[in-house]
């Protein structure tokens, strides 16, 4: 199964993206306070929400896999 998604790897990737985006958001908000950056920060916040939702889903599926007995 070459196309099978490894839940733990995907969770690590999402965590990495969350950390990077969080750092970038902090830097943006510290350096810029104009309307352009406000739009950018809003986009970043939406992306962060989506990443956290994805993290939640991966975590839930991973927990479900661990409790399944074969």
Protein backbone atom coordinates (compact mmCIF):
# COMPACT_ATOMS: atom_id res chain seq x y z
CA UNK A 1 0.00 0.00 0.00
CA UNK A 2 2.15 2.83 -1.24
CA UNK A 3 -0.56 5.47 -0.94
CA UNK A 4 -1.45 4.69 2.65
CA UNK A 5 -1.24 7.73 4.90
CA UNK A 6 0.95 7.35 7.96
CA UNK A 7 -1.03 9.15 10.66
CA UNK A 8 1.93 9.84 12.90
CA UNK A 9 3.98 11.33 10.05
CA UNK A 10 1.08 13.51 8.98
CA UNK A 11 0.56 14.63 12.57
CA UNK A 12 4.24 15.60 12.80
CA UNK A 13 3.97 17.55 9.53
CA UNK A 14 0.91 19.41 10.79
CA UNK A 15 2.66 20.18 14.07
CA UNK A 16 5.65 21.52 12.14
CA UNK A 17 3.38 23.75 10.04
CA UNK A 18 1.56 25.00 13.13
CA UNK A 19 4.86 25.94 14.80
CA UNK A 20 6.15 27.68 11.66
CA UNK A 21 2.91 29.57 11.08
CA UNK A 22 2.70 30.56 14.72
CA UNK A 23 6.24 31.98 14.60
CA UNK A 24 5.45 33.81 11.37
CA UNK A 25 2.26 35.28 12.82
CA UNK A 26 4.14 36.59 15.85
CA UNK A 27 6.76 38.16 13.61
CA UNK A 28 4.16 39.73 11.31
CA UNK A 29 2.15 41.23 14.14
CA UNK A 30 5.30 42.64 15.76
CA UNK A 31 6.62 44.34 12.61
CA UNK A 32 3.57 45.52 10.71
CA UNK A 33 0.41 47.23 11.82
CA UNK A 34 -1.21 48.40 8.60
CA UNK A 35 -4.33 47.17 6.85
CA UNK A 36 -2.38 44.93 4.47
CA UNK A 37 -0.80 43.02 7.29
CA UNK A 38 -4.17 42.80 9.06
CA UNK A 39 -5.54 40.99 6.01
CA UNK A 40 -2.48 38.76 6.00
CA UNK A 41 -2.84 38.04 9.72
CA UNK A 42 -6.48 37.15 9.19
CA UNK A 43 -5.48 34.66 6.48
CA UNK A 44 -2.84 33.23 8.79
CA UNK A 45 -5.37 32.84 11.61
CA UNK A 46 -7.72 30.99 9.26
CA UNK A 47 -4.88 28.72 8.15
CA UNK A 48 -3.98 28.09 11.78
CA UNK A 49 -7.58 27.11 12.53
CA UNK A 50 -7.57 24.67 9.61
CA UNK A 51 -4.25 23.17 10.69
CA UNK A 52 -5.47 22.71 14.25
CA UNK A 53 -8.62 21.04 12.95
CA UNK A 54 -6.51 18.72 10.81
CA UNK A 55 -4.34 17.96 13.84
CA UNK A 56 -7.43 17.13 15.87
CA UNK A 57 -8.68 14.77 13.15
CA UNK A 58 -5.34 13.00 12.77
CA UNK A 59 -5.11 12.62 16.53
CA UNK A 60 -8.62 11.21 16.71
CA UNK A 61 -8.00 8.71 13.91
CA UNK A 62 -4.66 7.70 15.44
CA UNK A 63 -6.30 7.12 18.81
CA UNK A 64 -9.00 5.08 17.10
CA UNK A 65 -6.37 2.90 15.42
CA UNK A 66 -4.66 2.21 18.73
CA UNK A 67 -7.85 1.00 20.38
CA UNK A 68 -8.84 -1.38 17.56
CA UNK A 69 -8.14 -5.03 18.32
CA UNK A 70 -7.40 -7.46 15.52
